[in-house]
Amino acid sequence: MKHSEKDKGSKVVYTDRAGGGSLKLRNFAVFLVLVLVVVGTSAFMYLKSKNVDIENMSFKDIVSELMDITGNNGGNKIAKEIEFGANEKHVFTTCKGLIIESVKNRVKALNEHGEEQWVVSVYAGNPIVKSAGSYIMVADLGGKDVYLLSGKTLKWSQKMTGNIINADVNEAGYVSVVREEKGYRGAVTIINKSGRVVITKKMAKRFVFMSEVSPKGDNLVINGFDASGVKSKAVVILDDFSKDIKNALDTGETSLFPIVGFFDNGDLAAVGDSSVYLFDDKGKTKWVQKLTNKSVICGDLLTGDSIVAALSDMDSSGKITGNKTDITLINEDGEKSVIYSTDMRVKNIKTYNGIVAVNTGTSVYYINSKGKLLGKFDSKTNISDVHFISRQKAVLVCKDSLIINNIHL
């Protein structure tokens, strides 16, 4: 069948219109994809700028995090509440983004949603649990058993010859066990990550309640007091792994040191009731900071090179007066500055990657090293402790539940 020129022209026009519609559809699809890419990239960069760990988050969590941040609910949102039974003692820490729970016959890991990730059988009738790096240490206070795990792998278990008073672990897997020793005031046993006993130091005149190995693994500190004289005095010993004790640091303090710990460079900080000391890795005094008319309530080391402490007013008799508490930062040069103040007594302080959690027992204030308030959480029940899952999430330990609390930086 032949077509007229008019028919041919009409057909050509029809074909062009169809192609134009398809082209417009493709252009719209490309435009939509570009918009989604731009929005997604912007959201990704925004969350990254807020230090949100999006690599381990679901799409739902990412959307929730964006809504939380833009809603500016800083520190006030309960992301999750995890109940635990009150029929046995539960103790907690965190390790590598997981919540570590220890009870009498097991230690287990939970994610931030309360879902069990792994469980390992151990026995500790009165457990303490601590973590550093990838290592988790469980010890039986008043008993003799101590365990070291790396993740869900039980690296070793040891039975001490005397009852355990305290225990600690560092990022290199060194475990320090303070224990009773027959015929002595106490003893410290250091065990490495392979389960080998490196050294045991026995104390004839000094009571010991804490010990820790330096980050480099070349020194250990022993914190205690000497009651052999007319008047007892605090004792801090910085030593290596040789048999003899040869470096008892001279502080002249009569009160105990509630905070003793290593900076990342190996320097040793010792915080007393009203004085702060910094020693180098050889035990030489670098500086002493006297806290006039102030008493240290609690504190922690911050970012490996500073001390953060809660200071309250003290009268001439040494009695704490009032409820005002100054959160004070003391840097590696001994410079002191008040970064935050509250009219509440502070129960404890925990730090993590530049974030300070100030726990009053009923509220938690999140501040940074500059004193900026990042958020505040008010609890309906008593908060005994605070741990960090990340810089964006904290775990508040309450009477019979854990509260996962969002922090917006």
Protein backbone atom coordinates (compact mmCIF):
# COMPACT_ATOMS: atom_id res chain seq x y z
CA MET A 1 0.00 0.00 0.00
CA LYS A 2 1.37 3.40 -0.94
CA HIS A 3 1.32 6.35 1.40
CA SER A 4 0.88 9.92 0.39
CA GLU A 5 3.51 12.53 1.25
CA LYS A 6 1.08 13.85 3.83
CA ASP A 7 0.76 10.40 5.44
CA LYS A 8 4.54 9.99 5.53
CA GLY A 9 4.92 13.38 7.14
CA SER A 10 2.34 12.56 9.77
CA LYS A 11 4.10 9.31 10.63
CA VAL A 12 7.43 11.05 11.01
CA VAL A 13 5.91 13.63 13.30
CA TYR A 14 4.33 10.89 15.45
CA THR A 15 7.63 9.01 15.77
CA ASP A 16 9.47 12.17 16.87
CA ARG A 17 6.91 12.87 19.58
CA ALA A 18 7.23 9.37 21.00
CA GLY A 19 11.02 9.67 21.11
CA GLY A 20 10.77 13.05 22.83
CA GLY A 21 8.58 11.62 25.62
CA SER A 22 11.02 8.79 26.22
CA LEU A 23 13.91 11.25 26.32
CA LYS A 24 12.12 13.40 28.89
CA LEU A 25 11.49 10.33 31.04
CA ARG A 26 15.14 9.37 30.86
CA ASN A 27 16.21 12.90 31.72
CA PHE A 28 13.89 12.93 34.72
CA ALA A 29 15.26 9.57 35.88
CA VAL A 30 18.84 10.86 35.59
CA PHE A 31 17.86 14.04 37.46
CA LEU A 32 16.22 11.99 40.23
CA VAL A 33 19.30 9.78 40.57
CA LEU A 34 21.54 12.86 40.77
CA VAL A 35 19.30 14.38 43.45
CA LEU A 36 19.43 11.15 45.47
CA VAL A 37 23.22 11.01 45.10
CA VAL A 38 23.58 14.63 46.23
CA VAL A 39 21.20 14.15 49.17
CA GLY A 40 22.82 10.84 50.15
CA THR A 41 26.33 12.31 49.91
CA SER A 42 25.26 15.35 51.95
CA ALA A 43 23.68 13.12 54.60
CA PHE A 44 26.79 10.91 54.67
CA MET A 45 29.11 13.90 55.07
CA TYR A 46 26.85 15.44 57.72
CA LEU A 47 26.79 12.26 59.79
CA LYS A 48 30.54 11.89 59.39
CA SER A 49 31.03 15.48 60.55
CA LYS A 50 29.04 14.55 63.67
CA ASN A 51 31.32 11.50 64.18
CA VAL A 52 28.44 9.08 63.73
CA ASP A 53 29.61 5.51 63.09
CA ILE A 54 27.41 4.76 60.09
CA GLU A 55 29.39 1.73 58.91
CA ASN A 56 27.77 -0.46 61.56
CA MET A 57 24.28 1.05 61.37
CA SER A 58 21.16 -0.15 59.56
CA PHE A 59 19.24 2.13 57.18
CA LYS A 60 16.56 2.54 59.85
CA ASP A 61 19.18 3.58 62.42
CA ILE A 62 20.71 6.09 59.99
CA VAL A 63 17.30 7.69 59.35
CA SER A 64 16.65 7.76 63.11
CA GLU A 65 20.05 9.33 63.74
CA LEU A 66 19.40 12.04 61.16
CA MET A 67 16.03 12.80 62.74
CA ASP A 68 17.58 12.88 66.22
CA ILE A 69 20.38 15.22 65.19
CA THR A 70 18.17 17.61 63.29
CA GLY A 71 15.71 17.51 66.17
CA ASN A 72 18.58 18.52 68.51
CA ASN A 73 17.53 16.20 71.32
CA GLY A 74 21.16 16.18 72.61
CA GLY A 75 21.63 13.48 75.21
CA ASN A 76 17.97 13.23 76.20
CA LYS A 77 16.77 10.30 74.12
CA ILE A 78 16.59 6.72 75.33
CA ALA A 79 17.62 4.76 72.27
CA LYS A 80 17.02 1.45 74.04
CA GLU A 81 16.37 0.12 77.54
CA ILE A 82 17.66 -3.37 78.34
CA GLU A 83 16.31 -5.00 81.47
CA PHE A 84 18.31 -7.52 83.46
CA GLY A 85 17.31 -9.63 86.44
CA ALA A 86 18.02 -8.57 90.02
CA ASN A 87 18.37 -12.12 91.34
CA GLU A 88 22.17 -12.18 90.85
CA LYS A 89 24.99 -9.66 90.65
CA HIS A 90 25.47 -8.14 87.18
CA VAL A 91 28.55 -6.09 86.32
CA PHE A 92 29.19 -4.33 83.03
CA THR A 93 31.79 -2.77 80.78
CA THR A 94 32.04 -2.14 77.04
CA CYS A 95 34.51 -3.42 74.46
CA LYS A 96 34.76 -2.73 70.73
CA GLY A 97 31.20 -1.40 70.46
CA LEU A 98 29.66 -4.23 72.50
CA ILE A 99 28.19 -4.28 76.01
CA ILE A 100 29.98 -6.86 78.16
CA GLU A 101 27.93 -8.37 80.99
CA SER A 102 29.40 -10.66 83.64
CA VAL A 103 27.48 -12.71 86.18
CA LYS A 104 28.39 -15.64 88.42
CA ASN A 105 28.86 -18.33 85.77
CA ARG A 106 29.23 -16.57 82.43
CA VAL A 107 30.32 -13.49 80.53
CA LYS A 108 28.43 -12.40 77.46
CA ALA A 109 28.37 -9.66 74.84
CA LEU A 110 25.29 -7.71 73.78
CA ASN A 111 24.88 -5.26 70.94
CA GLU A 112 23.26 -1.86 71.49
CA HIS A 113 19.83 -3.42 70.89
CA GLY A 114 20.33 -5.93 73.71
CA GLU A 115 20.80 -8.86 71.34
CA GLU A 116 23.23 -11.53 72.55
CA GLN A 117 26.32 -11.83 70.33
CA TRP A 118 28.26 -14.47 72.23
CA VAL A 119 28.54 -16.09 75.66
CA VAL A 120 31.50 -17.75 77.43
CA SER A 121 31.28 -19.88 80.58
CA VAL A 122 33.43 -18.62 83.47
CA TYR A 123 33.01 -18.78 87.24
CA ALA A 124 33.23 -15.68 89.43
CA GLY A 125 30.96 -15.61 92.47
CA ASN A 126 31.63 -11.89 93.00
CA PRO A 127 32.71 -10.75 89.54
CA ILE A 128 34.50 -7.66 88.32
CA VAL A 129 34.90 -7.09 84.60
CA LYS A 130 37.22 -4.64 82.86
CA SER A 131 38.30 -4.12 79.27
CA ALA A 132 41.13 -2.47 77.35
CA GLY A 133 41.62 -2.59 73.60
CA SER A 134 40.30 -5.96 72.45
CA TYR A 135 40.84 -7.66 75.83
CA ILE A 136 38.28 -8.44 78.53
CA MET A 137 39.29 -9.45 82.05
CA VAL A 138 36.97 -11.15 84.56
CA ALA A 139 38.05 -11.79 88.15
CA ASP A 140 36.36 -13.19 91.25
CA LEU A 141 36.71 -10.65 94.08
CA GLY A 142 37.38 -12.54 97.30
CA GLY A 143 37.93 -15.69 95.25
CA LYS A 144 40.91 -17.00 93.32
CA ASP A 145 39.86 -17.19 89.66
CA VAL A 146 40.82 -14.74 86.90
CA TYR A 147 40.16 -14.96 83.16
CA LEU A 148 41.34 -13.16 80.03
CA LEU A 149 39.29 -13.07 76.83
CA SER A 150 39.92 -11.55 73.45
CA GLY A 151 36.45 -11.15 72.02
CA LYS A 152 34.67 -14.43 72.55
CA THR A 153 37.94 -16.39 72.74
CA LEU A 154 39.04 -17.41 76.22
CA LYS A 155 42.80 -16.80 76.15
CA TRP A 156 43.53 -18.26 79.58
CA SER A 157 42.27 -18.80 83.11
CA GLN A 158 44.36 -18.76 86.28
CA LYS A 159 43.76 -19.68 89.90
CA MET A 160 45.61 -17.42 92.35
CA THR A 161 47.18 -18.67 95.57
CA GLY A 162 45.52 -15.91 97.59
CA ASN A 163 42.12 -14.24 97.47
CA ILE A 164 41.79 -11.50 94.83
CA ILE A 165 41.48 -7.91 96.07
CA ASN A 166 41.48 -6.16 92.68
CA ALA A 167 42.49 -6.74 89.08
CA ASP A 168 43.08 -4.75 85.90
CA VAL A 169 44.01 -5.21 82.23
CA ASN A 170 45.78 -2.98 79.70
CA GLU A 171 45.56 -2.78 75.90
CA ALA A 172 48.53 -5.11 75.46
CA GLY A 173 46.75 -7.86 77.43
CA TYR A 174 48.76 -7.56 80.66
CA VAL A 175 46.62 -8.47 83.66
CA SER A 176 47.54 -7.10 87.11
CA VAL A 177 46.11 -9.07 90.02
CA VAL A 178 46.23 -7.62 93.54
CA ARG A 179 45.77 -10.46 96.01
CA GLU A 180 46.33 -11.69 99.51
CA GLU A 181 49.62 -13.43 100.31
CA LYS A 182 50.28 -15.41 103.48
CA GLY A 183 52.89 -13.71 105.67
CA TYR A 184 52.65 -10.43 103.72
CA ARG A 185 50.40 -7.38 103.56
CA GLY A 186 49.60 -8.27 99.97
CA ALA A 187 51.04 -9.17 96.58
CA VAL A 188 50.78 -8.14 92.93
CA THR A 189 50.99 -10.73 90.16
CA ILE A 190 51.43 -9.66 86.53
CA ILE A 191 50.27 -12.09 83.83
CA ASN A 192 50.80 -11.51 80.09
CA LYS A 193 48.32 -12.17 77.27
CA SER A 194 49.63 -15.72 76.84
CA GLY A 195 48.90 -16.60 80.46
CA ARG A 196 52.53 -16.53 81.62
CA VAL A 197 53.22 -15.05 85.06
CA VAL A 198 55.73 -12.26 84.40
CA ILE A 199 56.43 -11.22 87.99
CA THR A 200 54.99 -11.38 91.50
CA LYS A 201 55.84 -8.60 93.93
CA LYS A 202 55.16 -9.31 97.62
CA MET A 203 54.57 -6.46 100.07
CA ALA A 204 55.86 -6.87 103.62
CA LYS A 205 54.89 -3.41 104.93
CA ARG A 206 52.49 -1.96 102.38
CA PHE A 207 48.84 -2.65 101.76
CA VAL A 208 47.93 -2.63 98.06
CA PHE A 209 44.54 -1.99 96.49
CA MET A 210 45.37 -1.28 92.82
CA SER A 211 47.99 -2.09 90.19
CA GLU A 212 48.33 -1.44 86.46
CA VAL A 213 50.86 -2.06 83.66
CA SER A 214 51.94 0.85 81.44
CA PRO A 215 50.79 1.04 77.79
CA LYS A 216 54.31 0.19 76.62
CA GLY A 217 54.41 -2.87 78.87
CA ASP A 218 57.70 -1.85 80.49
CA ASN A 219 56.51 -0.47 83.85
CA LEU A 220 53.90 -1.21 86.46
CA VAL A 221 52.38 1.01 89.12
CA ILE A 222 51.33 -0.16 92.58
CA ASN A 223 48.91 2.03 94.55
CA GLY A 224 48.48 1.49 98.28
CA PHE A 225 49.45 2.74 101.71
CA ASP A 226 52.13 2.10 104.32
CA ALA A 227 50.90 1.47 107.87
CA SER A 228 54.23 0.39 109.34
CA GLY A 229 55.05 3.76 110.90
CA VAL A 230 53.40 5.90 113.55
CA LYS A 231 51.21 7.49 110.88
CA SER A 232 50.01 5.72 107.74
CA LYS A 233 50.82 7.31 104.39
CA ALA A 234 49.88 6.83 100.77
CA VAL A 235 52.40 4.98 98.62
CA VAL A 236 52.75 4.96 94.83
CA ILE A 237 55.36 2.61 93.40
CA LEU A 238 56.52 2.85 89.78
CA ASP A 239 58.71 -0.06 88.84
CA ASP A 240 59.75 -2.45 86.11
CA PHE A 241 59.39 -6.23 86.07
CA SER A 242 62.51 -6.90 88.14
CA LYS A 243 62.14 -8.73 91.42
CA ASP A 244 63.04 -5.94 93.82
CA ILE A 245 60.99 -2.81 94.47
CA LYS A 246 63.27 0.17 93.99
CA ASN A 247 61.17 3.18 92.99
CA ALA A 248 58.63 4.21 95.64
CA LEU A 249 57.59 7.70 94.56
CA ASP A 250 57.88 10.48 97.11
CA THR A 251 54.58 12.33 97.55
CA GLY A 252 54.42 12.98 101.27
CA GLU A 253 50.65 12.42 101.12
CA THR A 254 48.80 10.81 104.00
CA SER A 255 45.55 10.23 102.09
CA LEU A 256 45.02 7.59 99.43
CA PHE A 257 45.25 8.28 95.71
CA PRO A 258 41.83 7.53 94.18
CA ILE A 259 43.16 8.04 90.63
CA VAL A 260 46.47 6.60 89.43
CA GLY A 261 47.06 5.88 85.75
CA PHE A 262 49.38 6.11 82.78
CA PHE A 263 49.27 8.65 79.98
CA ASP A 264 49.87 7.33 76.45
CA ASN A 265 53.52 8.45 76.55
CA GLY A 266 54.23 6.47 79.72
CA ASP A 267 53.97 9.38 82.18
CA LEU A 268 52.19 8.53 85.42
CA ALA A 269 49.43 10.68 86.93
CA ALA A 270 48.53 10.38 90.61
CA VAL A 271 45.54 12.31 91.94
CA GLY A 272 45.09 12.66 95.69
CA ASP A 273 42.41 14.38 97.76
CA SER A 274 43.87 17.85 97.19
CA SER A 275 47.02 17.38 95.10
CA VAL A 276 47.84 16.13 91.61
CA TYR A 277 51.23 14.73 90.60
CA LEU A 278 52.77 13.89 87.25
CA PHE A 279 55.84 11.66 87.02
CA ASP A 280 57.84 10.64 83.97
CA ASP A 281 58.40 6.98 83.10
CA LYS A 282 61.51 6.92 85.34
CA GLY A 283 59.63 8.19 88.38
CA LYS A 284 60.97 11.75 88.28
CA THR A 285 58.45 14.41 89.36
CA LYS A 286 57.47 16.64 86.41
CA TRP A 287 55.06 18.84 88.38
CA VAL A 288 52.78 19.03 91.40
CA GLN A 289 49.47 20.89 91.33
CA LYS A 290 48.05 21.83 94.75
CA LEU A 291 44.28 22.28 94.84
CA THR A 292 43.74 24.98 97.47
CA ASN A 293 40.50 24.64 99.46
CA LYS A 294 39.33 21.99 97.01
CA SER A 295 38.78 18.26 97.36
CA VAL A 296 38.84 15.71 94.53
CA ILE A 297 35.61 13.72 94.49
CA CYS A 298 36.32 11.58 91.43
CA GLY A 299 37.92 11.77 88.01
CA ASP A 300 39.45 10.03 85.03
CA LEU A 301 42.22 10.40 82.45
CA LEU A 302 41.14 12.19 79.29
CA THR A 303 42.47 11.52 75.75
CA GLY A 304 45.72 10.07 77.08
CA ASP A 305 47.35 13.36 78.11
CA SER A 306 45.01 15.21 80.51
CA ILE A 307 43.23 14.66 83.81
CA VAL A 308 39.60 15.59 84.39
CA ALA A 309 38.45 15.76 88.00
CA ALA A 310 35.36 16.80 89.95
CA LEU A 311 36.39 19.29 92.63
CA SER A 312 34.23 20.42 95.55
CA ASP A 313 34.83 23.20 98.07
CA MET A 314 36.58 22.17 101.28
CA ASP A 315 36.85 24.05 104.57
CA SER A 316 39.95 24.29 106.78
CA SER A 317 39.07 21.06 108.59
CA GLY A 318 38.96 19.13 105.31
CA LYS A 319 35.18 18.85 105.24
CA ILE A 320 33.38 19.22 101.91
CA THR A 321 31.00 22.17 101.92
CA GLY A 322 28.01 22.72 99.63
CA ASN A 323 26.99 20.84 96.51
CA LYS A 324 28.75 22.91 93.85
CA THR A 325 31.18 20.86 91.78
CA ASP A 326 33.75 22.20 89.34
CA ILE A 327 34.72 19.85 86.50
CA THR A 328 38.38 20.72 86.16
CA LEU A 329 40.84 19.87 83.39
CA ILE A 330 44.57 19.58 84.17
CA ASN A 331 46.71 19.19 81.06
CA GLU A 332 50.11 17.52 80.65
CA ASP A 333 51.87 20.80 81.58
CA GLY A 334 50.00 21.05 84.89
CA GLU A 335 47.76 23.91 83.73
CA LYS A 336 44.39 23.84 85.47
CA SER A 337 41.08 25.18 84.15
CA VAL A 338 37.44 24.79 85.18
CA ILE A 339 35.55 23.63 82.10
CA TYR A 340 32.10 23.10 83.63
CA SER A 341 30.26 23.64 86.92
CA THR A 342 27.17 22.06 88.39
CA ASP A 343 25.22 22.54 91.62
CA MET A 344 24.99 18.76 92.05
CA ARG A 345 27.35 16.40 93.86
CA VAL A 346 29.11 14.19 91.31
CA LYS A 347 29.09 10.41 91.76
CA ASN A 348 31.62 9.43 89.09
CA ILE A 349 33.20 10.56 85.82
CA LYS A 350 33.93 8.48 82.73
CA THR A 351 35.76 9.63 79.61
CA TYR A 352 35.99 8.34 76.05
CA ASN A 353 37.78 9.89 73.06
CA GLY A 354 37.46 13.46 74.29
CA ILE A 355 33.93 13.09 75.71
CA VAL A 356 33.35 13.45 79.47
CA ALA A 357 30.30 11.89 81.13
CA VAL A 358 29.59 13.51 84.51
CA ASN A 359 27.25 11.30 86.54
CA THR A 360 25.40 12.79 89.52
CA GLY A 361 23.40 9.61 90.13
CA THR A 362 20.20 11.12 88.75
CA SER A 363 21.58 12.98 85.71
CA VAL A 364 24.42 12.57 83.24
CA TYR A 365 26.03 15.63 81.65
CA TYR A 366 27.98 15.07 78.44
CA ILE A 367 30.68 17.68 77.83
CA ASN A 368 33.76 17.94 75.63
CA SER A 369 37.27 18.94 76.67
CA LYS A 370 36.38 22.61 76.10
CA GLY A 371 33.44 22.40 78.49
CA LYS A 372 30.73 22.58 75.85
CA LEU A 373 27.56 20.85 77.02
CA LEU A 374 26.73 18.23 74.39
CA GLY A 375 23.66 16.94 76.16
CA LYS A 376 22.06 16.04 79.47
CA PHE A 377 20.07 12.98 80.44
CA ASP A 378 17.74 12.95 83.47
CA SER A 379 16.91 9.53 84.85
CA LYS A 380 13.88 8.33 86.80
CA THR A 381 16.08 5.77 88.55
CA ASN A 382 19.54 5.87 90.09
CA ILE A 383 22.48 5.71 87.67
CA SER A 384 25.38 3.79 89.21
CA ASP A 385 27.82 3.97 86.31
CA VAL A 386 28.37 5.09 82.72
CA HIS A 387 30.20 3.28 79.90
CA PHE A 388 30.68 4.21 76.25
CA ILE A 389 29.79 2.09 73.22
CA SER A 390 31.06 4.86 70.92
CA ARG A 391 31.30 8.65 70.89
CA GLN A 392 27.60 8.72 69.98
CA LYS A 393 26.20 6.17 72.43
CA ALA A 394 26.62 5.64 76.16
CA VAL A 395 25.40 2.84 78.44
CA LEU A 396 23.91 3.97 81.74
CA VAL A 397 23.88 1.25 84.39
CA CYS A 398 20.76 1.53 86.55
CA LYS A 399 19.27 -0.67 89.27
CA ASP A 400 17.76 -3.35 87.05
CA SER A 401 18.25 -2.08 83.50
CA LEU A 402 20.70 -0.56 81.05
CA ILE A 403 19.77 2.64 79.26
CA ILE A 404 21.37 3.22 75.87
CA ASN A 405 21.67 6.97 75.57
CA ASN A 406 22.35 8.93 72.36
CA ILE A 407 24.98 11.66 72.42
CA HIS A 408 24.87 14.33 69.69
CA LEU A 409 28.22 15.99 69.10
